[in-house]
Amino acid sequence: MNFELDPEHQTLKELVASFVREDLLPLEPALLKREAAGEPWELSADEHARLDTVSKARGLWGLDAPAEMEGLDLPVVAMVGVNEEFGKTITPYELPPDSPNLRMLLTAANDAQRAAYLAPYARGETVSAIAISEPGAGADPSAMSTRAVRDGDDWVLNGRKIWISRAARADWTIVMAVTDKTKPGRPGISAFIVDRQTPGFRVERRIPMIGGVSTYEVLLEDCRVPHARLLGQEGQGFAPMQARLSSRRLQMAAWCVGRAQRALDMMCEYAPQRSTFGASLAERQTVQWWIADAATRIHACRLMTYEAAARIDRGDEARSQVSMVKVFATETAGKVIDHAMQMFGAMGMTKEMPLHQMANEARLMRIYEGPSEVHRWVVARELLGLKR
């Protein structure tokens, strides 16, 4: 067992850390000021364009994209290190392409789809979204009601999707739909690539979330999609979707490690400086325990995330491990950030510090990609030998 990144992957992690430190962290004060004034939690077009230019020049695009598509074809383990560093900033910037959707296309796309969609996406030329959840079907895909019916060389999609990130600016969206109602649960689910301008595909509303971020609701009304846009095999969309979800959950776990590590670093820097009743906070047992417990949980969480990633890289079963780390990481980040806010007192409650945004994002991640209760259920059923 190797508990450290390979030297080249460690070098990449350090390169990302310098990008975060030099280019992303300096943007936080302006973002916090704008958010406090009621503006959306997002970069300006100029800020985003500059970051694209800088990150591309540093060779940070397409890190886990295939080599034949100008990517570095990095393993999941290496991406854990990358995402941990990105987790240390609240600046809302991600390197293109989005890894989870990339991995879903790598799993399911045919040659024509790889050329038309995967290749430009891997090069960072397009933006994608994925539509899974519905108003009546969130964590339970078997309750999905969006239908896709074959009509000659086309599929006609009808339904409503919700909680979709990037839907308003995505060039194309992966839409999950039921293609065979006679097969209960997962076997009748298929995936489709739907271009933004497709008639019958409409972004109906923006949904403000805590932390200033937004998701969207999409209406599919007699949305006609060519059969060539069926992603993977008919009725076999669940497995590629799960591969995509596993990638996102590990990404979120790594972000949470980074968030928690930053909160811990802030506590360790502040505690010796602040005195109350004749002693520094660093001398208070409560603060010492917060710091010791945070360091312990972060260390465990980091190892769990790397272990789950290594399983995926080997092609081993990792469903329970991914569920365990998704729960542990999101709850660890929430706990550590909350203790940091408590230790900073009134200042920790202000919108002048990044802690409130870190707390909001950690809270969101306990719901995104499956709530903690569902993941605990997955782990328990596996250990008890119950049917999935």
Protein backbone atom coordinates (compact mmCIF):
# COMPACT_ATOMS: atom_id res chain seq x y z
CA MET A 1 0.00 0.00 0.00
CA ASN A 2 1.18 3.47 -0.90
CA PHE A 3 -0.21 6.32 1.16
CA GLU A 4 1.38 9.08 -0.90
CA LEU A 5 0.81 10.43 -4.39
CA ASP A 6 3.28 9.46 -7.08
CA PRO A 7 5.96 12.16 -7.53
CA GLU A 8 4.48 13.47 -10.80
CA HIS A 9 0.99 13.63 -9.29
CA GLN A 10 2.37 15.40 -6.20
CA THR A 11 4.06 17.92 -8.50
CA LEU A 12 0.73 18.54 -10.22
CA LYS A 13 -0.97 18.98 -6.83
CA GLU A 14 1.61 21.62 -5.93
CA LEU A 15 1.07 23.36 -9.29
CA VAL A 16 -2.66 23.51 -8.61
CA ALA A 17 -1.96 24.78 -5.10
CA SER A 18 0.03 27.67 -6.53
CA PHE A 19 -2.79 28.49 -8.99
CA VAL A 20 -5.28 28.50 -6.11
CA ARG A 21 -3.00 30.62 -3.93
CA GLU A 22 -1.98 33.14 -6.60
CA ASP A 23 -5.08 33.41 -8.78
CA LEU A 24 -8.18 32.21 -6.91
CA LEU A 25 -7.73 33.26 -3.28
CA PRO A 26 -7.13 36.94 -4.22
CA LEU A 27 -10.60 37.04 -5.82
CA GLU A 28 -12.40 36.05 -2.61
CA PRO A 29 -12.70 39.51 -0.99
CA ALA A 30 -14.46 40.96 -4.04
CA LEU A 31 -16.74 37.95 -4.30
CA LEU A 32 -17.66 38.19 -0.61
CA LYS A 33 -18.36 41.89 -0.97
CA ARG A 34 -20.62 41.31 -3.97
CA GLU A 35 -22.46 38.46 -2.23
CA ALA A 36 -23.04 40.61 0.86
CA ALA A 37 -24.60 43.20 -1.45
CA GLY A 38 -27.06 40.61 -2.73
CA GLU A 39 -25.34 39.83 -6.03
CA PRO A 40 -25.03 36.26 -7.37
CA TRP A 41 -22.13 34.13 -6.19
CA GLU A 42 -20.31 34.03 -9.50
CA LEU A 43 -17.31 35.38 -11.33
CA SER A 44 -17.63 38.18 -13.83
CA ALA A 45 -17.09 37.29 -17.48
CA ASP A 46 -13.71 39.06 -17.43
CA GLU A 47 -12.61 37.26 -14.26
CA HIS A 48 -13.61 33.88 -15.67
CA ALA A 49 -11.88 34.56 -18.99
CA ARG A 50 -8.66 35.55 -17.23
CA LEU A 51 -8.70 32.41 -15.11
CA ASP A 52 -9.29 30.30 -18.22
CA THR A 53 -6.26 31.90 -19.86
CA VAL A 54 -4.02 31.45 -16.83
CA SER A 55 -5.07 27.87 -16.01
CA LYS A 56 -4.73 26.77 -19.63
CA ALA A 57 -1.28 28.35 -19.86
CA ARG A 58 -0.30 26.40 -16.73
CA GLY A 59 -1.33 23.16 -18.44
CA LEU A 60 -4.28 22.50 -16.13
CA TRP A 61 -6.97 21.79 -18.73
CA GLY A 62 -8.09 18.28 -19.63
CA LEU A 63 -6.28 16.67 -16.73
CA ASP A 64 -8.26 13.42 -16.83
CA ALA A 65 -9.27 13.64 -20.50
CA PRO A 66 -7.88 11.04 -22.94
CA ALA A 67 -4.44 11.68 -24.39
CA GLU A 68 -5.81 11.47 -27.94
CA MET A 69 -8.05 14.42 -27.06
CA GLU A 70 -5.17 16.57 -25.81
CA GLY A 71 -5.66 15.46 -22.21
CA LEU A 72 -3.28 14.04 -19.61
CA ASP A 73 -5.39 10.92 -18.95
CA LEU A 74 -4.79 11.16 -15.20
CA PRO A 75 -6.17 8.50 -12.83
CA VAL A 76 -8.87 9.26 -10.27
CA VAL A 77 -6.26 9.20 -7.47
CA ALA A 78 -4.39 12.10 -9.05
CA MET A 79 -7.61 14.08 -9.40
CA VAL A 80 -8.25 13.69 -5.66
CA GLY A 81 -5.10 15.70 -5.01
CA VAL A 82 -6.14 18.32 -7.56
CA ASN A 83 -9.61 18.70 -6.09
CA GLU A 84 -8.35 18.90 -2.53
CA GLU A 85 -6.40 22.01 -3.50
CA PHE A 86 -9.44 23.51 -5.23
CA GLY A 87 -11.42 22.82 -2.07
CA LYS A 88 -9.28 25.37 -0.23
CA THR A 89 -10.87 28.31 -2.03
CA ILE A 90 -14.44 29.53 -2.27
CA THR A 91 -13.82 31.18 -5.64
CA PRO A 92 -16.32 29.40 -7.94
CA TYR A 93 -14.00 28.20 -10.68
CA GLU A 94 -13.50 24.68 -12.00
CA LEU A 95 -11.02 23.43 -14.55
CA PRO A 96 -12.55 22.25 -17.84
CA PRO A 97 -13.86 19.73 -18.53
CA ASP A 98 -16.18 18.67 -15.70
CA SER A 99 -14.76 15.28 -14.72
CA PRO A 100 -17.99 13.40 -13.84
CA ASN A 101 -19.74 14.12 -17.15
CA LEU A 102 -16.48 13.43 -18.96
CA ARG A 103 -16.27 10.00 -17.36
CA MET A 104 -19.88 9.22 -18.22
CA LEU A 105 -19.17 9.98 -21.89
CA LEU A 106 -15.99 7.92 -21.77
CA THR A 107 -18.04 5.01 -20.44
CA ALA A 108 -20.99 5.18 -22.83
CA ALA A 109 -20.33 7.31 -25.93
CA ASN A 110 -20.00 5.64 -29.34
CA ASP A 111 -17.44 6.71 -31.94
CA ALA A 112 -19.68 9.37 -33.50
CA GLN A 113 -20.58 10.83 -30.09
CA ARG A 114 -16.93 10.83 -29.04
CA ALA A 115 -16.08 12.92 -32.09
CA ALA A 116 -19.07 15.27 -31.89
CA TYR A 117 -19.37 15.71 -28.12
CA LEU A 118 -16.56 14.13 -26.11
CA ALA A 119 -13.59 15.53 -28.05
CA PRO A 120 -14.61 19.22 -27.95
CA TYR A 121 -15.75 18.79 -24.36
CA ALA A 122 -12.40 17.28 -23.35
CA ARG A 123 -10.66 20.29 -24.91
CA GLY A 124 -12.78 22.68 -22.85
CA GLU A 125 -14.67 24.04 -25.85
CA THR A 126 -18.18 23.22 -24.58
CA VAL A 127 -20.15 23.25 -21.32
CA SER A 128 -22.35 20.35 -20.21
CA ALA A 129 -25.09 19.61 -17.69
CA ILE A 130 -26.88 16.48 -16.53
CA ALA A 131 -30.59 16.17 -15.74
CA ILE A 132 -31.38 13.31 -13.35
CA SER A 133 -33.61 14.49 -10.49
CA GLU A 134 -37.29 15.30 -10.86
CA PRO A 135 -39.78 17.10 -8.61
CA GLY A 136 -41.03 13.70 -7.45
CA ALA A 137 -37.86 11.67 -7.89
CA GLY A 138 -34.64 12.83 -6.29
CA ALA A 139 -32.44 10.22 -4.63
CA ASP A 140 -34.69 7.39 -5.89
CA PRO A 141 -34.17 6.88 -9.65
CA SER A 142 -36.82 4.16 -9.72
CA ALA A 143 -39.41 6.91 -9.23
CA MET A 144 -38.32 8.69 -12.41
CA SER A 145 -41.29 9.62 -14.61
CA THR A 146 -39.69 11.44 -17.55
CA ARG A 147 -40.44 9.29 -20.60
CA ALA A 148 -38.65 8.75 -23.89
CA VAL A 149 -40.71 7.04 -26.59
CA ARG A 150 -39.21 5.78 -29.85
CA ASP A 151 -40.71 7.31 -32.98
CA GLY A 152 -38.96 6.12 -36.10
CA ASP A 153 -35.40 7.44 -36.08
CA ASP A 154 -36.15 9.75 -33.15
CA TRP A 155 -36.98 9.64 -29.47
CA VAL A 156 -39.65 11.94 -28.04
CA LEU A 157 -38.97 13.08 -24.47
CA ASN A 158 -41.59 14.41 -22.07
CA GLY A 159 -41.11 15.29 -18.42
CA ARG A 160 -39.65 17.74 -15.96
CA LYS A 161 -36.16 17.81 -14.43
CA ILE A 162 -34.93 19.85 -11.48
CA TRP A 163 -31.82 20.82 -9.46
CA ILE A 164 -29.66 20.99 -12.60
CA SER A 165 -26.38 22.87 -12.37
CA ARG A 166 -25.24 24.94 -15.39
CA ALA A 167 -28.44 24.22 -17.35
CA ALA A 168 -28.81 27.82 -18.54
CA ARG A 169 -25.36 27.93 -20.14
CA ALA A 170 -24.79 24.30 -21.10
CA ASP A 171 -24.26 23.56 -24.78
CA TRP A 172 -25.80 20.15 -24.23
CA THR A 173 -27.40 18.24 -21.37
CA ILE A 174 -27.42 14.53 -20.58
CA VAL A 175 -31.07 13.72 -19.85
CA MET A 176 -32.04 10.53 -18.03
CA ALA A 177 -35.43 9.13 -19.04
CA VAL A 178 -37.50 5.95 -18.79
CA THR A 179 -37.64 4.07 -22.08
CA ASP A 180 -39.30 0.86 -20.88
CA LYS A 181 -42.03 1.11 -18.23
CA THR A 182 -42.43 -2.67 -18.15
CA LYS A 183 -39.05 -3.01 -16.44
CA PRO A 184 -39.35 -1.69 -12.88
CA GLY A 185 -36.55 0.33 -11.37
CA ARG A 186 -33.21 0.80 -13.05
CA PRO A 187 -33.26 -1.47 -16.15
CA GLY A 188 -35.64 0.78 -18.09
CA ILE A 189 -33.58 3.99 -17.76
CA SER A 190 -31.71 5.44 -20.74
CA ALA A 191 -29.51 8.49 -21.28
CA PHE A 192 -29.79 11.04 -24.09
CA ILE A 193 -27.62 13.93 -25.24
CA VAL A 194 -29.89 16.93 -25.80
CA ASP A 195 -28.50 20.04 -27.49
CA ARG A 196 -29.44 23.39 -25.99
CA GLN A 197 -31.45 24.62 -29.01
CA THR A 198 -33.48 21.41 -29.38
CA PRO A 199 -37.21 22.31 -29.74
CA GLY A 200 -39.15 21.23 -26.66
CA PHE A 201 -36.17 21.60 -24.32
CA ARG A 202 -36.74 24.64 -22.13
CA VAL A 203 -34.95 25.98 -19.08
CA GLU A 204 -38.03 27.05 -17.14
CA ARG A 205 -36.63 28.72 -14.04
CA ARG A 206 -33.56 29.48 -11.98
CA ILE A 207 -33.67 28.23 -8.40
CA PRO A 208 -31.61 30.25 -5.89
CA MET A 209 -29.85 28.02 -3.35
CA ILE A 210 -28.07 28.84 -0.11
CA GLY A 211 -24.62 30.29 -0.58
CA GLY A 212 -25.67 32.37 -3.58
CA VAL A 213 -25.47 29.50 -6.07
CA SER A 214 -28.28 28.45 -8.41
CA THR A 215 -29.73 25.35 -9.98
CA TYR A 216 -32.39 25.12 -12.67
CA GLU A 217 -35.63 23.40 -13.59
CA VAL A 218 -36.04 22.12 -17.15
CA LEU A 219 -39.20 21.21 -19.03
CA LEU A 220 -39.15 18.58 -21.78
CA GLU A 221 -42.25 18.90 -23.92
CA ASP A 222 -42.39 16.69 -27.03
CA CYS A 223 -38.64 17.13 -27.20
CA ARG A 224 -37.53 15.22 -30.31
CA VAL A 225 -34.01 13.78 -30.12
CA PRO A 226 -32.37 11.73 -32.90
CA HIS A 227 -31.66 8.09 -32.09
CA ALA A 228 -28.00 8.93 -32.67
CA ARG A 229 -28.13 10.96 -29.42
CA LEU A 230 -28.97 7.90 -27.31
CA LEU A 231 -25.96 7.66 -25.00
CA GLY A 232 -24.97 4.03 -24.56
CA GLN A 233 -27.44 1.19 -24.85
CA GLU A 234 -31.20 1.56 -24.57
CA GLY A 235 -32.33 0.73 -21.06
CA GLN A 236 -28.74 0.61 -19.80
CA GLY A 237 -28.28 4.21 -18.70
CA PHE A 238 -28.12 3.56 -14.98
CA ALA A 239 -24.62 2.04 -14.84
CA PRO A 240 -22.89 4.92 -16.72
CA MET A 241 -24.87 7.37 -14.57
CA GLN A 242 -23.59 5.61 -11.44
CA ALA A 243 -20.02 5.86 -12.74
CA ARG A 244 -20.59 9.57 -13.18
CA LEU A 245 -22.08 9.89 -9.67
CA SER A 246 -19.15 8.04 -8.10
CA SER A 247 -16.75 10.45 -9.77
CA ARG A 248 -18.72 13.48 -8.51
CA ARG A 249 -18.97 12.09 -4.98
CA LEU A 250 -15.22 11.56 -4.76
CA GLN A 251 -14.69 15.03 -6.19
CA MET A 252 -16.95 16.43 -3.48
CA ALA A 253 -15.11 14.44 -0.81
CA ALA A 254 -11.79 15.91 -1.95
CA TRP A 255 -13.30 19.41 -1.96
CA CYS A 256 -14.47 18.80 1.61
CA VAL A 257 -10.99 17.71 2.68
CA GLY A 258 -9.66 20.96 1.26
CA ARG A 259 -12.40 23.04 2.92
CA ALA A 260 -11.82 21.39 6.29
CA GLN A 261 -8.05 21.75 5.99
CA ARG A 262 -8.39 25.47 5.32
CA ALA A 263 -10.69 25.90 8.32
CA LEU A 264 -8.19 24.00 10.49
CA ASP A 265 -5.32 26.15 9.23
CA MET A 266 -7.31 29.27 10.07
CA MET A 267 -7.93 28.00 13.60
CA CYS A 268 -4.27 27.12 14.14
CA GLU A 269 -3.20 30.58 12.97
CA TYR A 270 -5.79 32.48 15.02
CA ALA A 271 -5.81 30.54 18.30
CA PRO A 272 -2.37 31.74 19.57
CA GLN A 273 -3.21 35.36 18.64
CA ARG A 274 -6.51 35.72 20.48
CA SER A 275 -6.53 35.96 24.29
CA THR A 276 -9.52 35.77 26.62
CA PHE A 277 -9.50 35.99 30.41
CA GLY A 278 -5.73 36.03 30.55
CA ALA A 279 -4.96 33.09 28.28
CA SER A 280 -4.74 32.50 24.56
CA LEU A 281 -7.35 30.40 22.82
CA ALA A 282 -4.54 27.97 22.01
CA GLU A 283 -4.30 27.16 25.72
CA ARG A 284 -8.02 26.37 26.07
CA GLN A 285 -8.81 22.68 26.20
CA THR A 286 -11.96 23.08 24.12
CA VAL A 287 -10.02 24.71 21.30
CA GLN A 288 -7.24 22.12 21.55
CA TRP A 289 -9.78 19.34 21.23
CA TRP A 290 -11.46 21.01 18.26
CA ILE A 291 -8.09 21.21 16.53
CA ALA A 292 -7.01 17.67 17.45
CA ASP A 293 -10.34 16.18 16.39
CA ALA A 294 -10.29 18.16 13.13
CA ALA A 295 -6.78 16.98 12.26
CA THR A 296 -7.74 13.38 13.04
CA ARG A 297 -10.93 13.43 10.97
CA ILE A 298 -9.26 15.20 8.04
CA HIS A 299 -6.45 12.64 8.03
CA ALA A 300 -8.94 9.75 8.05
CA CYS A 301 -11.09 11.41 5.41
CA ARG A 302 -8.14 12.02 3.10
CA LEU A 303 -7.04 8.38 3.33
CA MET A 304 -10.59 7.15 2.75
CA THR A 305 -10.90 9.30 -0.37
CA TYR A 306 -7.62 8.08 -1.84
CA GLU A 307 -8.50 4.47 -1.08
CA ALA A 308 -11.87 4.73 -2.82
CA ALA A 309 -10.21 6.43 -5.79
CA ALA A 310 -7.59 3.67 -6.00
CA ARG A 311 -10.37 1.06 -6.08
CA ILE A 312 -11.98 2.82 -9.03
CA ASP A 313 -8.65 3.09 -10.84
CA ARG A 314 -8.15 -0.68 -10.39
CA GLY A 315 -11.66 -1.41 -11.65
CA ASP A 316 -12.73 -2.81 -8.27
CA GLU A 317 -16.17 -2.45 -6.67
CA ALA A 318 -16.25 0.81 -4.70
CA ARG A 319 -19.93 1.57 -4.20
CA SER A 320 -19.91 1.29 -0.40
CA GLN A 321 -16.55 3.03 -0.06
CA VAL A 322 -17.78 5.98 -2.15
CA SER A 323 -20.95 6.22 -0.07
CA MET A 324 -18.96 6.07 3.18
CA VAL A 325 -16.56 8.80 2.17
CA LYS A 326 -19.33 11.01 0.76
CA VAL A 327 -21.03 10.98 4.16
CA PHE A 328 -17.86 11.24 6.23
CA ALA A 329 -16.28 14.02 4.17
CA THR A 330 -19.31 16.29 3.97
CA GLU A 331 -20.07 15.90 7.67
CA THR A 332 -16.40 16.36 8.62
CA ALA A 333 -16.18 19.60 6.66
CA GLY A 334 -19.37 20.88 8.23
CA LYS A 335 -18.18 20.10 11.75
CA VAL A 336 -14.68 21.57 11.33
CA ILE A 337 -15.96 24.74 9.66
CA ASP A 338 -18.59 25.18 12.37
CA HIS A 339 -15.94 24.96 15.09
CA ALA A 340 -13.84 27.51 13.22
CA MET A 341 -16.81 29.87 13.05
CA GLN A 342 -17.38 29.39 16.78
CA MET A 343 -13.75 30.04 17.61
CA PHE A 344 -13.69 33.29 15.62
CA GLY A 345 -16.73 34.48 17.57
CA ALA A 346 -18.66 37.40 16.09
CA MET A 347 -16.12 37.73 13.27
CA GLY A 348 -16.90 34.15 12.28
CA MET A 349 -20.51 35.18 11.74
CA THR A 350 -19.69 37.96 9.30
CA LYS A 351 -19.79 37.91 5.54
CA GLU A 352 -16.33 39.44 5.49
CA MET A 353 -14.73 36.04 6.13
CA PRO A 354 -14.96 32.98 3.86
CA LEU A 355 -16.25 30.70 6.62
CA HIS A 356 -19.96 31.31 6.03
CA GLN A 357 -19.62 30.45 2.35
CA MET A 358 -17.58 27.36 3.20
CA ALA A 359 -20.33 26.33 5.63
CA ASN A 360 -23.06 26.87 3.03
CA GLU A 361 -21.24 24.78 0.45
CA ALA A 362 -20.53 21.97 2.91
CA ARG A 363 -24.22 21.94 3.85
CA LEU A 364 -25.28 21.77 0.21
CA MET A 365 -23.00 18.80 -0.38
CA ARG A 366 -24.82 16.77 2.27
CA ILE A 367 -27.76 16.81 -0.18
CA TYR A 368 -26.16 16.94 -3.64
CA GLU A 369 -25.47 13.58 -5.33
CA GLY A 370 -27.53 11.73 -2.74
CA PRO A 371 -28.32 12.76 0.84
CA SER A 372 -26.32 11.30 3.70
CA GLU A 373 -29.25 9.16 4.83
CA VAL A 374 -29.41 7.35 1.48
CA HIS A 375 -25.67 6.69 1.48
CA ARG A 376 -25.85 5.28 5.02
CA TRP A 377 -28.67 3.04 3.78
CA VAL A 378 -26.47 1.85 0.88
CA VAL A 379 -23.64 0.92 3.24
CA ALA A 380 -25.91 -0.80 5.75
CA ARG A 381 -27.69 -2.88 3.10
CA GLU A 382 -24.35 -4.00 1.71
CA LEU A 383 -23.11 -5.10 5.14
CA LEU A 384 -26.41 -6.80 5.99
CA GLY A 385 -26.49 -8.64 2.68
CA LEU A 386 -29.82 -7.15 1.65
CA LYS A 387 -30.83 -6.97 -1.99
CA ARG A 388 -29.99 -3.67 -3.66
